Amino acid sequence: MANDKRAELQGKVLRLPDLVSYQDGTVASRMIINKPAGSITLFSFDEDEGLSEHTAPYDAVVTILDGECEVWVAGETHHMSAGETIIFPANVPHALSAITRFKMSLTMIRE
């Protein structure tokens, strides 16, 4: 079923922030591509939500689609807002936290 929903998006003009909705008190996600080479997942974060520090085995490209957040990469803090992108290198600790409600696109590139 999920693959059918993703297939419905192909060949269409998409507005990424419209593909994932805010949900009170939580983080919501929607995977729009999942292939052996990588994936693209959209997230919405309610205010004061976030992801605790972690690492990933692959490079990850995060683009803020709406709102504002704080991002930490290898101990360095960045304030980000809509239209900005950051690359989390593989195996480097990173975390993020909502300043306002925000949406982001996460592109994982697998090796």
PDB file of N, CA and C in Angstrom:
ATOM      1  N   MET A   1       0.812  -1.200   0.000  1.00  0.00           N
ATOM      2  CA  MET A   1       0.000   0.000   0.000  1.00  0.00           C
ATOM      3  C   MET A   1       0.855   1.265   0.000  1.00  0.00           C
ATOM      4  N   ALA A   2       1.918   1.296   0.849  1.00  0.00           N
ATOM      5  CA  ALA A   2       2.783   2.480   0.914  1.00  0.00           C
ATOM      6  C   ALA A   2       3.452   2.732  -0.438  1.00  0.00           C
ATOM      7  N   ASN A   3       3.877   1.663  -1.119  1.00  0.00           N
ATOM      8  CA  ASN A   3       4.495   1.830  -2.429  1.00  0.00           C
ATOM      9  C   ASN A   3       3.521   2.430  -3.432  1.00  0.00           C
ATOM     10  N   ASP A   4       2.231   2.037  -3.341  1.00  0.00           N
ATOM     11  CA  ASP A   4       1.211   2.600  -4.228  1.00  0.00           C
ATOM     12  C   ASP A   4       1.075   4.103  -3.992  1.00  0.00           C
ATOM     13  N   LYS A   5       1.071   4.508  -2.731  1.00  0.00           N
ATOM     14  CA  LYS A   5       0.953   5.933  -2.394  1.00  0.00           C
ATOM     15  C   LYS A   5       2.154   6.711  -2.923  1.00  0.00           C
ATOM     16  N   ARG A   6       3.362   6.120  -2.793  1.00  0.00           N
ATOM     17  CA  ARG A   6       4.555   6.800  -3.313  1.00  0.00           C
ATOM     18  C   ARG A   6       4.498   6.864  -4.839  1.00  0.00           C
ATOM     19  N   ALA A   7       4.017   5.812  -5.485  1.00  0.00           N
ATOM     20  CA  ALA A   7       3.930   5.794  -6.942  1.00  0.00           C
ATOM     21  C   ALA A   7       2.985   6.885  -7.447  1.00  0.00           C
ATOM     22  N   GLU A   8       1.953   7.195  -6.671  1.00  0.00           N
ATOM     23  CA  GLU A   8       1.000   8.239  -7.069  1.00  0.00           C
ATOM     24  C   GLU A   8       1.663   9.610  -7.179  1.00  0.00           C
ATOM     25  N   LEU A   9       2.803   9.797  -6.515  1.00  0.00           N
ATOM     26  CA  LEU A   9       3.496  11.092  -6.531  1.00  0.00           C
ATOM     27  C   LEU A   9       4.373  11.275  -7.771  1.00  0.00           C
ATOM     28  N   GLN A  10       4.721  10.189  -8.432  1.00  0.00           N
ATOM     29  CA  GLN A  10       5.657  10.247  -9.549  1.00  0.00           C
ATOM     30  C   GLN A  10       5.076  10.992 -10.747  1.00  0.00           C
ATOM     31  N   GLY A  11       5.932  11.788 -11.375  1.00  0.00           N
ATOM     32  CA  GLY A  11       5.545  12.509 -12.579  1.00  0.00           C
ATOM     33  C   GLY A  11       4.639  13.691 -12.338  1.00  0.00           C
ATOM     34  N   LYS A  12       4.504  14.103 -11.077  1.00  0.00           N
ATOM     35  CA  LYS A  12       3.634  15.226 -10.736  1.00  0.00           C
ATOM     36  C   LYS A  12       4.453  16.341 -10.107  1.00  0.00           C
ATOM     37  N   VAL A  13       3.992  17.565 -10.254  1.00  0.00           N
ATOM     38  CA  VAL A  13       4.604  18.703  -9.575  1.00  0.00           C
ATOM     39  C   VAL A  13       4.126  18.672  -8.130  1.00  0.00           C
ATOM     40  N   LEU A  14       5.071  18.671  -7.202  1.00  0.00           N
ATOM     41  CA  LEU A  14       4.752  18.535  -5.787  1.00  0.00           C
ATOM     42  C   LEU A  14       5.199  19.762  -5.006  1.00  0.00           C
ATOM     43  N   ARG A  15       4.449  20.114  -3.999  1.00  0.00           N
ATOM     44  CA  ARG A  15       4.859  21.118  -3.034  1.00  0.00           C
ATOM     45  C   ARG A  15       5.130  20.350  -1.757  1.00  0.00           C
ATOM     46  N   LEU A  16       6.418  20.094  -1.483  1.00  0.00           N
ATOM     47  CA  LEU A  16       6.794  19.190  -0.405  1.00  0.00           C
ATOM     48  C   LEU A  16       6.161  19.529   0.951  1.00  0.00           C
ATOM     49  N   PRO A  17       6.108  20.800   1.366  1.00  0.00           N
ATOM     50  CA  PRO A  17       5.502  21.065   2.684  1.00  0.00           C
ATOM     51  C   PRO A  17       4.041  20.613   2.787  1.00  0.00           C
ATOM     52  N   ASP A  18       3.345  20.508   1.674  1.00  0.00           N
ATOM     53  CA  ASP A  18       1.941  20.096   1.694  1.00  0.00           C
ATOM     54  C   ASP A  18       1.762  18.582   1.839  1.00  0.00           C
ATOM     55  N   LEU A  19       2.854  17.822   1.714  1.00  0.00           N
ATOM     56  CA  LEU A  19       2.745  16.359   1.733  1.00  0.00           C
ATOM     57  C   LEU A  19       2.811  15.758   3.135  1.00  0.00           C
ATOM     58  N   VAL A  20       3.130  16.577   4.144  1.00  0.00           N
ATOM     59  CA  VAL A  20       3.149  16.099   5.525  1.00  0.00           C
ATOM     60  C   VAL A  20       2.478  17.164   6.395  1.00  0.00           C
ATOM     61  N   SER A  21       1.579  16.735   7.271  1.00  0.00           N
ATOM     62  CA  SER A  21       0.817  17.664   8.105  1.00  0.00           C
ATOM     63  C   SER A  21       1.396  17.747   9.507  1.00  0.00           C
ATOM     64  N   TYR A  22       1.190  18.893  10.142  1.00  0.00           N
ATOM     65  CA  TYR A  22       1.557  19.031  11.547  1.00  0.00           C
ATOM     66  C   TYR A  22       0.581  18.226  12.394  1.00  0.00           C
ATOM     67  N   GLN A  23       1.096  17.646  13.477  1.00  0.00           N
ATOM     68  CA  GLN A  23       0.263  16.932  14.434  1.00  0.00           C
ATOM     69  C   GLN A  23       0.657  17.407  15.827  1.00  0.00           C
ATOM     70  N   ASP A  24      -0.326  17.796  16.616  1.00  0.00           N
ATOM     71  CA  ASP A  24      -0.061  18.346  17.946  1.00  0.00           C
ATOM     72  C   ASP A  24       0.750  17.386  18.805  1.00  0.00           C
ATOM     73  N   GLY A  25       1.825  17.932  19.396  1.00  0.00           N
ATOM     74  CA  GLY A  25       2.598  17.196  20.379  1.00  0.00           C
ATOM     75  C   GLY A  25       3.462  16.068  19.870  1.00  0.00           C
ATOM     76  N   THR A  26       3.715  16.023  18.570  1.00  0.00           N
ATOM     77  CA  THR A  26       4.483  14.888  18.058  1.00  0.00           C
ATOM     78  C   THR A  26       5.234  15.238  16.771  1.00  0.00           C
ATOM     79  N   VAL A  27       5.947  14.251  16.271  1.00  0.00           N
ATOM     80  CA  VAL A  27       6.661  14.318  15.001  1.00  0.00           C
ATOM     81  C   VAL A  27       5.937  13.387  14.035  1.00  0.00           C
ATOM     82  N   ALA A  28       5.651  13.872  12.838  1.00  0.00           N
ATOM     83  CA  ALA A  28       5.019  13.038  11.810  1.00  0.00           C
ATOM     84  C   ALA A  28       5.979  12.905  10.636  1.00  0.00           C
ATOM     85  N   SER A  29       5.882  11.802   9.909  1.00  0.00           N
ATOM     86  CA  SER A  29       6.775  11.614   8.766  1.00  0.00           C
ATOM     87  C   SER A  29       6.042  10.955   7.609  1.00  0.00           C
ATOM     88  N   ARG A  30       6.596  11.170   6.424  1.00  0.00           N
ATOM     89  CA  ARG A  30       6.070  10.532   5.218  1.00  0.00           C
ATOM     90  C   ARG A  30       7.234  10.267   4.269  1.00  0.00           C
ATOM     91  N   MET A  31       7.489   8.999   3.986  1.00  0.00           N
ATOM     92  CA  MET A  31       8.542   8.631   3.048  1.00  0.00           C
ATOM     93  C   MET A  31       7.991   8.777   1.635  1.00  0.00           C
ATOM     94  N   ILE A  32       8.720   9.518   0.781  1.00  0.00           N
ATOM     95  CA  ILE A  32       8.234   9.688  -0.586  1.00  0.00           C
ATOM     96  C   ILE A  32       9.070   8.921  -1.606  1.00  0.00           C
ATOM     97  N   ILE A  33      10.309   8.556  -1.237  1.00  0.00           N
ATOM     98  CA  ILE A  33      11.137   7.682  -2.083  1.00  0.00           C
ATOM     99  C   ILE A  33      11.912   6.757  -1.157  1.00  0.00           C
ATOM    100  N   ASN A  34      11.960   5.468  -1.509  1.00  0.00           N
ATOM    101  CA  ASN A  34      12.748   4.499  -0.751  1.00  0.00           C
ATOM    102  C   ASN A  34      13.354   3.519  -1.739  1.00  0.00           C
ATOM    103  N   LYS A  35      14.621   3.716  -2.039  1.00  0.00           N
ATOM    104  CA  LYS A  35      15.341   2.895  -3.008  1.00  0.00           C
ATOM    105  C   LYS A  35      16.633   2.393  -2.374  1.00  0.00           C
ATOM    106  N   PRO A  36      17.266   1.371  -2.944  1.00  0.00           N
ATOM    107  CA  PRO A  36      18.547   0.907  -2.396  1.00  0.00           C
ATOM    108  C   PRO A  36      19.600   2.010  -2.327  1.00  0.00           C
ATOM    109  N   ALA A  37      19.576   2.956  -3.240  1.00  0.00           N
ATOM    110  CA  ALA A  37      20.575   4.032  -3.260  1.00  0.00           C
ATOM    111  C   ALA A  37      20.300   5.112  -2.218  1.00  0.00           C
ATOM    112  N   GLY A  38      19.057   5.198  -1.721  1.00  0.00           N
ATOM    113  CA  GLY A  38      18.736   6.215  -0.731  1.00  0.00           C
ATOM    114  C   GLY A  38      17.245   6.418  -0.586  1.00  0.00           C
ATOM    115  N   SER A  39      16.914   7.353   0.291  1.00  0.00           N
ATOM    116  CA  SER A  39      15.503   7.630   0.553  1.00  0.00           C
ATOM    117  C   SER A  39      15.290   9.121   0.772  1.00  0.00           C
ATOM    118  N   ILE A  40      14.041   9.551   0.581  1.00  0.00           N
ATOM    119  CA  ILE A  40      13.633  10.916   0.905  1.00  0.00           C
ATOM    120  C   ILE A  40      12.407  10.802   1.792  1.00  0.00           C
ATOM    121  N   THR A  41      12.503  11.419   2.970  1.00  0.00           N
ATOM    122  CA  THR A  41      11.410  11.398   3.934  1.00  0.00           C
ATOM    123  C   THR A  41      11.104  12.822   4.360  1.00  0.00           C
ATOM    124  N   LEU A  42       9.832  13.154   4.425  1.00  0.00           N
ATOM    125  CA  LEU A  42       9.395  14.461   4.894  1.00  0.00           C
ATOM    126  C   LEU A  42       8.963  14.327   6.348  1.00  0.00           C
ATOM    127  N   PHE A  43       9.292  15.329   7.157  1.00  0.00           N
ATOM    128  CA  PHE A  43       8.945  15.325   8.578  1.00  0.00           C
ATOM    129  C   PHE A  43       8.256  16.627   8.937  1.00  0.00           C
ATOM    130  N   SER A  44       7.329  16.553   9.905  1.00  0.00           N
ATOM    131  CA  SER A  44       6.791  17.752  10.541  1.00  0.00           C
ATOM    132  C   SER A  44       7.011  17.589  12.046  1.00  0.00           C
ATOM    133  N   PHE A  45       7.446  18.659  12.675  1.00  0.00           N
ATOM    134  CA  PHE A  45       7.721  18.673  14.111  1.00  0.00           C
ATOM    135  C   PHE A  45       6.847  19.726  14.764  1.00  0.00           C
ATOM    136  N   ASP A  46       6.123  19.337  15.800  1.00  0.00           N
ATOM    137  CA  ASP A  46       5.395  20.329  16.565  1.00  0.00           C
ATOM    138  C   ASP A  46       6.412  21.121  17.389  1.00  0.00           C
ATOM    139  N   GLU A  47       5.999  22.294  17.862  1.00  0.00           N
ATOM    140  CA  GLU A  47       6.877  23.130  18.684  1.00  0.00           C
ATOM    141  C   GLU A  47       7.376  22.318  19.879  1.00  0.00           C
ATOM    142  N   ASP A  48       8.654  22.485  20.210  1.00  0.00           N
ATOM    143  CA  ASP A  48       9.327  21.811  21.332  1.00  0.00           C
ATOM    144  C   ASP A  48       9.604  20.331  21.080  1.00  0.00           C
ATOM    145  N   GLU A  49       9.335  19.826  19.897  1.00  0.00           N
ATOM    146  CA  GLU A  49       9.696  18.447  19.551  1.00  0.00           C
ATOM    147  C   GLU A  49      11.078  18.441  18.905  1.00  0.00           C
ATOM    148  N   GLY A  50      11.675  17.273  18.767  1.00  0.00           N
ATOM    149  CA  GLY A  50      12.983  17.189  18.133  1.00  0.00           C
ATOM    150  C   GLY A  50      13.453  15.754  18.028  1.00  0.00           C
ATOM    151  N   LEU A  51      14.704  15.613  17.628  1.00  0.00           N
ATOM    152  CA  LEU A  51      15.372  14.316  17.573  1.00  0.00           C
ATOM    153  C   LEU A  51      16.624  14.424  18.424  1.00  0.00           C
ATOM    154  N   SER A  52      16.795  13.503  19.366  1.00  0.00           N
ATOM    155  CA  SER A  52      17.963  13.537  20.236  1.00  0.00           C
ATOM    156  C   SER A  52      19.225  13.182  19.449  1.00  0.00           C
ATOM    157  N   GLU A  53      20.365  13.483  20.048  1.00  0.00           N
ATOM    158  CA  GLU A  53      21.639  13.257  19.355  1.00  0.00           C
ATOM    159  C   GLU A  53      21.797  11.785  18.968  1.00  0.00           C
ATOM    160  N   HIS A  54      22.217  11.590  17.727  1.00  0.00           N
ATOM    161  CA  HIS A  54      22.421  10.248  17.193  1.00  0.00           C
ATOM    162  C   HIS A  54      23.387  10.334  16.022  1.00  0.00           C
ATOM    163  N   THR A  55      23.772   9.199  15.485  1.00  0.00           N
ATOM    164  CA  THR A  55      24.567   9.153  14.265  1.00  0.00           C
ATOM    165  C   THR A  55      23.823   8.292  13.248  1.00  0.00           C
ATOM    166  N   ALA A  56      24.211   8.421  12.000  1.00  0.00           N
ATOM    167  CA  ALA A  56      23.658   7.588  10.934  1.00  0.00           C
ATOM    168  C   ALA A  56      24.828   7.090  10.087  1.00  0.00           C
ATOM    169  N   PRO A  57      24.710   5.915   9.516  1.00  0.00           N
ATOM    170  CA  PRO A  57      25.818   5.357   8.750  1.00  0.00           C
ATOM    171  C   PRO A  57      25.985   5.972   7.356  1.00  0.00           C
ATOM    172  N   TYR A  58      25.070   6.898   7.000  1.00  0.00           N
ATOM    173  CA  TYR A  58      25.103   7.501   5.663  1.00  0.00           C
ATOM    174  C   TYR A  58      25.039   9.018   5.773  1.00  0.00           C
ATOM    175  N   ASP A  59      25.527   9.705   4.742  1.00  0.00           N
ATOM    176  CA  ASP A  59      25.340  11.149   4.670  1.00  0.00           C
ATOM    177  C   ASP A  59      23.841  11.441   4.598  1.00  0.00           C
ATOM    178  N   ALA A  60      23.437  12.545   5.224  1.00  0.00           N
ATOM    179  CA  ALA A  60      22.029  12.938   5.217  1.00  0.00           C
ATOM    180  C   ALA A  60      21.942  14.420   4.878  1.00  0.00           C
ATOM    181  N   VAL A  61      21.056  14.761   3.947  1.00  0.00           N
ATOM    182  CA  VAL A  61      20.846  16.146   3.548  1.00  0.00           C
ATOM    183  C   VAL A  61      19.495  16.580   4.109  1.00  0.00           C
ATOM    184  N   VAL A  62      19.505  17.629   4.940  1.00  0.00           N
ATOM    185  CA  VAL A  62      18.287  18.137   5.562  1.00  0.00           C
ATOM    186  C   VAL A  62      17.992  19.516   4.992  1.00  0.00           C
ATOM    187  N   THR A  63      16.786  19.700   4.464  1.00  0.00           N
ATOM    188  CA  THR A  63      16.329  20.996   3.970  1.00  0.00           C
ATOM    189  C   THR A  63      15.095  21.395   4.762  1.00  0.00           C
ATOM    190  N   ILE A  64      15.127  22.590   5.335  1.00  0.00           N
ATOM    191  CA  ILE A  64      13.992  23.090   6.100  1.00  0.00           C
ATOM    192  C   ILE A  64      12.960  23.630   5.107  1.00  0.00           C
ATOM    193  N   LEU A  65      11.728  23.147   5.221  1.00  0.00           N
ATOM    194  CA  LEU A  65      10.651  23.508   4.297  1.00  0.00           C
ATOM    195  C   LEU A  65       9.724  24.576   4.866  1.00  0.00           C
ATOM    196  N   ASP A  66       9.643  24.651   6.198  1.00  0.00           N
ATOM    197  CA  ASP A  66       8.718  25.571   6.855  1.00  0.00           C
ATOM    198  C   ASP A  66       9.180  25.726   8.300  1.00  0.00           C
ATOM    199  N   GLY A  67       9.044  26.930   8.870  1.00  0.00           N
ATOM    200  CA  GLY A  67       9.354  27.142  10.274  1.00  0.00           C
ATOM    201  C   GLY A  67      10.833  27.269  10.568  1.00  0.00           C
ATOM    202  N   GLU A  68      11.178  27.099  11.865  1.00  0.00           N
ATOM    203  CA  GLU A  68      12.562  27.281  12.320  1.00  0.00           C
ATOM    204  C   GLU A  68      12.950  26.192  13.312  1.00  0.00           C
ATOM    205  N   CYS A  69      14.240  25.837  13.285  1.00  0.00           N
ATOM    206  CA  CYS A  69      14.757  24.839  14.210  1.00  0.00           C
ATOM    207  C   CYS A  69      16.210  25.154  14.551  1.00  0.00           C
ATOM    208  N   GLU A  70      16.696  24.459  15.566  1.00  0.00           N
ATOM    209  CA  GLU A  70      18.109  24.475  15.900  1.00  0.00           C
ATOM    210  C   GLU A  70      18.658  23.112  15.568  1.00  0.00           C
ATOM    211  N   VAL A  71      19.847  23.102  14.979  1.00  0.00           N
ATOM    212  CA  VAL A  71      20.496  21.865  14.578  1.00  0.00           C
ATOM    213  C   VAL A  71      21.880  21.839  15.210  1.00  0.00           C
ATOM    214  N   TRP A  72      22.268  20.655  15.691  1.00  0.00           N
ATOM    215  CA  TRP A  72      23.612  20.473  16.229  1.00  0.00           C
ATOM    216  C   TRP A  72      24.314  19.418  15.393  1.00  0.00           C
ATOM    217  N   VAL A  73      25.529  19.758  14.941  1.00  0.00           N
ATOM    218  CA  VAL A  73      26.351  18.814  14.182  1.00  0.00           C
ATOM    219  C   VAL A  73      27.744  18.851  14.785  1.00  0.00           C
ATOM    220  N   ALA A  74      28.198  17.719  15.292  1.00  0.00           N
ATOM    221  CA  ALA A  74      29.525  17.611  15.897  1.00  0.00           C
ATOM    222  C   ALA A  74      29.771  18.717  16.922  1.00  0.00           C
ATOM    223  N   GLY A  75      28.748  19.013  17.728  1.00  0.00           N
ATOM    224  CA  GLY A  75      28.891  19.998  18.790  1.00  0.00           C
ATOM    225  C   GLY A  75      28.682  21.439  18.380  1.00  0.00           C
ATOM    226  N   GLU A  76      28.480  21.713  17.102  1.00  0.00           N
ATOM    227  CA  GLU A  76      28.257  23.081  16.624  1.00  0.00           C
ATOM    228  C   GLU A  76      26.764  23.310  16.404  1.00  0.00           C
ATOM    229  N   THR A  77      26.266  24.469  16.869  1.00  0.00           N
ATOM    230  CA  THR A  77      24.841  24.790  16.782  1.00  0.00           C
ATOM    231  C   THR A  77      24.559  25.696  15.593  1.00  0.00           C
ATOM    232  N   HIS A  78      23.476  25.396  14.878  1.00  0.00           N
ATOM    233  CA  HIS A  78      23.042  26.201  13.735  1.00  0.00           C
ATOM    234  C   HIS A  78      21.557  26.505  13.874  1.00  0.00           C
ATOM    235  N   HIS A  79      21.191  27.761  13.669  1.00  0.00           N
ATOM    236  CA  HIS A  79      19.772  28.157  13.618  1.00  0.00           C
ATOM    237  C   HIS A  79      19.374  28.080  12.145  1.00  0.00           C
ATOM    238  N   MET A  80      18.320  27.325  11.842  1.00  0.00           N
ATOM    239  CA  MET A  80      17.909  27.144  10.451  1.00  0.00           C
ATOM    240  C   MET A  80      16.458  27.533  10.257  1.00  0.00           C
ATOM    241  N   SER A  81      16.150  28.003   9.038  1.00  0.00           N
ATOM    242  CA  SER A  81      14.774  28.349   8.692  1.00  0.00           C
ATOM    243  C   SER A  81      14.486  27.918   7.263  1.00  0.00           C
ATOM    244  N   ALA A  82      13.229  28.083   6.853  1.00  0.00           N
ATOM    245  CA  ALA A  82      12.769  27.610   5.547  1.00  0.00           C
ATOM    246  C   ALA A  82      13.720  28.020   4.429  1.00  0.00           C
ATOM    247  N   GLY A  83      14.034  27.065   3.577  1.00  0.00           N
ATOM    248  CA  GLY A  83      14.894  27.303   2.427  1.00  0.00           C
ATOM    249  C   GLY A  83      16.356  26.971   2.669  1.00  0.00           C
ATOM    250  N   GLU A  84      16.736  26.680   3.907  1.00  0.00           N
ATOM    251  CA  GLU A  84      18.136  26.381   4.219  1.00  0.00           C
ATOM    252  C   GLU A  84      18.363  24.870   4.275  1.00  0.00           C
ATOM    253  N   THR A  85      19.592  24.474   3.921  1.00  0.00           N
ATOM    254  CA  THR A  85      19.974  23.068   3.852  1.00  0.00           C
ATOM    255  C   THR A  85      21.276  22.848   4.592  1.00  0.00           C
ATOM    256  N   ILE A  86      21.399  21.685   5.232  1.00  0.00           N
ATOM    257  CA  ILE A  86      22.643  21.287   5.891  1.00  0.00           C
ATOM    258  C   ILE A  86      22.894  19.816   5.579  1.00  0.00           C
ATOM    259  N   ILE A  87      24.157  19.441   5.516  1.00  0.00           N
ATOM    260  CA  ILE A  87      24.526  18.046   5.282  1.00  0.00           C
ATOM    261  C   ILE A  87      25.096  17.477   6.576  1.00  0.00           C
ATOM    262  N   PHE A  88      24.496  16.401   7.062  1.00  0.00           N
ATOM    263  CA  PHE A  88      25.023  15.676   8.210  1.00  0.00           C
ATOM    264  C   PHE A  88      25.948  14.592   7.670  1.00  0.00           C
ATOM    265  N   PRO A  89      27.250  14.675   7.947  1.00  0.00           N
ATOM    266  CA  PRO A  89      28.155  13.634   7.461  1.00  0.00           C
ATOM    267  C   PRO A  89      27.887  12.293   8.147  1.00  0.00           C
ATOM    268  N   ALA A  90      28.148  11.222   7.443  1.00  0.00           N
ATOM    269  CA  ALA A  90      27.992   9.881   8.000  1.00  0.00           C
ATOM    270  C   ALA A  90      28.796   9.751   9.287  1.00  0.00           C
ATOM    271  N   ASN A  91      28.212   9.083  10.269  1.00  0.00           N
ATOM    272  CA  ASN A  91      28.869   8.745  11.534  1.00  0.00           C
ATOM    273  C   ASN A  91      29.251   9.936  12.405  1.00  0.00           C
ATOM    274  N   VAL A  92      28.714  11.120  12.135  1.00  0.00           N
ATOM    275  CA  VAL A  92      28.971  12.313  12.946  1.00  0.00           C
ATOM    276  C   VAL A  92      27.723  12.600  13.784  1.00  0.00           C
ATOM    277  N   PRO A  93      27.868  12.785  15.104  1.00  0.00           N
ATOM    278  CA  PRO A  93      26.699  13.045  15.948  1.00  0.00           C
ATOM    279  C   PRO A  93      25.942  14.306  15.520  1.00  0.00           C
ATOM    280  N   HIS A  94      24.617  14.205  15.507  1.00  0.00           N
ATOM    281  CA  HIS A  94      23.772  15.348  15.168  1.00  0.00           C
ATOM    282  C   HIS A  94      22.428  15.212  15.880  1.00  0.00           C
ATOM    283  N   ALA A  95      21.743  16.353  16.016  1.00  0.00           N
ATOM    284  CA  ALA A  95      20.437  16.406  16.667  1.00  0.00           C
ATOM    285  C   ALA A  95      19.714  17.637  16.155  1.00  0.00           C
ATOM    286  N   LEU A  96      18.413  17.712  16.412  1.00  0.00           N
ATOM    287  CA  LEU A  96      17.682  18.928  16.055  1.00  0.00           C
ATOM    288  C   LEU A  96      16.497  19.118  16.976  1.00  0.00           C
ATOM    289  N   SER A  97      16.067  20.394  17.082  1.00  0.00           N
ATOM    290  CA  SER A  97      14.978  20.744  17.976  1.00  0.00           C
ATOM    291  C   SER A  97      14.173  21.883  17.360  1.00  0.00           C
ATOM    292  N   ALA A  98      12.850  21.787  17.465  1.00  0.00           N
ATOM    293  CA  ALA A  98      11.968  22.810  16.912  1.00  0.00           C
ATOM    294  C   ALA A  98      12.037  24.082  17.743  1.00  0.00           C
ATOM    295  N   ILE A  99      12.182  25.223  17.076  1.00  0.00           N
ATOM    296  CA  ILE A  99      12.009  26.529  17.710  1.00  0.00           C
ATOM    297  C   ILE A  99      10.544  26.917  17.546  1.00  0.00           C
ATOM    298  N   THR A 100      10.048  26.767  16.318  1.00  0.00           N
ATOM    299  CA  THR A 100       8.626  26.869  16.014  1.00  0.00           C
ATOM    300  C   THR A 100       8.255  25.521  15.397  1.00  0.00           C
ATOM    301  N   ARG A 101       6.986  25.311  15.111  1.00  0.00           N
ATOM    302  CA  ARG A 101       6.652  24.144  14.297  1.00  0.00           C
ATOM    303  C   ARG A 101       7.491  24.239  13.036  1.00  0.00           C
ATOM    304  N   PHE A 102       8.014  23.104  12.577  1.00  0.00           N
ATOM    305  CA  PHE A 102       8.768  23.152  11.322  1.00  0.00           C
ATOM    306  C   PHE A 102       8.631  21.841  10.561  1.00  0.00           C
ATOM    307  N   LYS A 103       8.879  21.952   9.263  1.00  0.00           N
ATOM    308  CA  LYS A 103       8.874  20.796   8.375  1.00  0.00           C
ATOM    309  C   LYS A 103      10.224  20.710   7.697  1.00  0.00           C
ATOM    310  N   MET A 104      10.651  19.484   7.411  1.00  0.00           N
ATOM    311  CA  MET A 104      11.938  19.293   6.744  1.00  0.00           C
ATOM    312  C   MET A 104      11.871  18.097   5.814  1.00  0.00           C
ATOM    313  N   SER A 105      12.782  18.117   4.864  1.00  0.00           N
ATOM    314  CA  SER A 105      13.008  16.991   3.969  1.00  0.00           C
ATOM    315  C   SER A 105      14.341  16.369   4.360  1.00  0.00           C
ATOM    316  N   LEU A 106      14.365  15.053   4.502  1.00  0.00           N
ATOM    317  CA  LEU A 106      15.584  14.313   4.824  1.00  0.00           C
ATOM    318  C   LEU A 106      15.918  13.386   3.665  1.00  0.00           C
ATOM    319  N   THR A 107      17.059  13.611   3.046  1.00  0.00           N
ATOM    320  CA  THR A 107      17.529  12.762   1.957  1.00  0.00           C
ATOM    321  C   THR A 107      18.721  11.967   2.465  1.00  0.00           C
ATOM    322  N   MET A 108      18.570  10.648   2.518  1.00  0.00           N
ATOM    323  CA  MET A 108      19.653   9.767   2.947  1.00  0.00           C
ATOM    324  C   MET A 108      20.310   9.193   1.696  1.00  0.00           C
ATOM    325  N   ILE A 109      21.615   9.325   1.604  1.00  0.00           N
ATOM    326  CA  ILE A 109      22.361   8.786   0.483  1.00  0.00           C
ATOM    327  C   ILE A 109      23.159   7.571   1.001  1.00  0.00           C
ATOM    328  N   ARG A 110      22.789   6.397   0.541  1.00  0.00           N
ATOM    329  CA  ARG A 110      23.472   5.179   0.983  1.00  0.00           C
ATOM    330  C   ARG A 110      24.630   4.878   0.047  1.00  0.00           C
ATOM    331  N   GLU A 111      25.641   4.237   0.594  1.00  0.00           N
ATOM    332  CA  GLU A 111      26.800   3.900  -0.243  1.00  0.00           C
ATOM    333  C   GLU A 111      26.701   2.470  -0.722  1.00  0.00           C
TER     334      GLU A 111
END
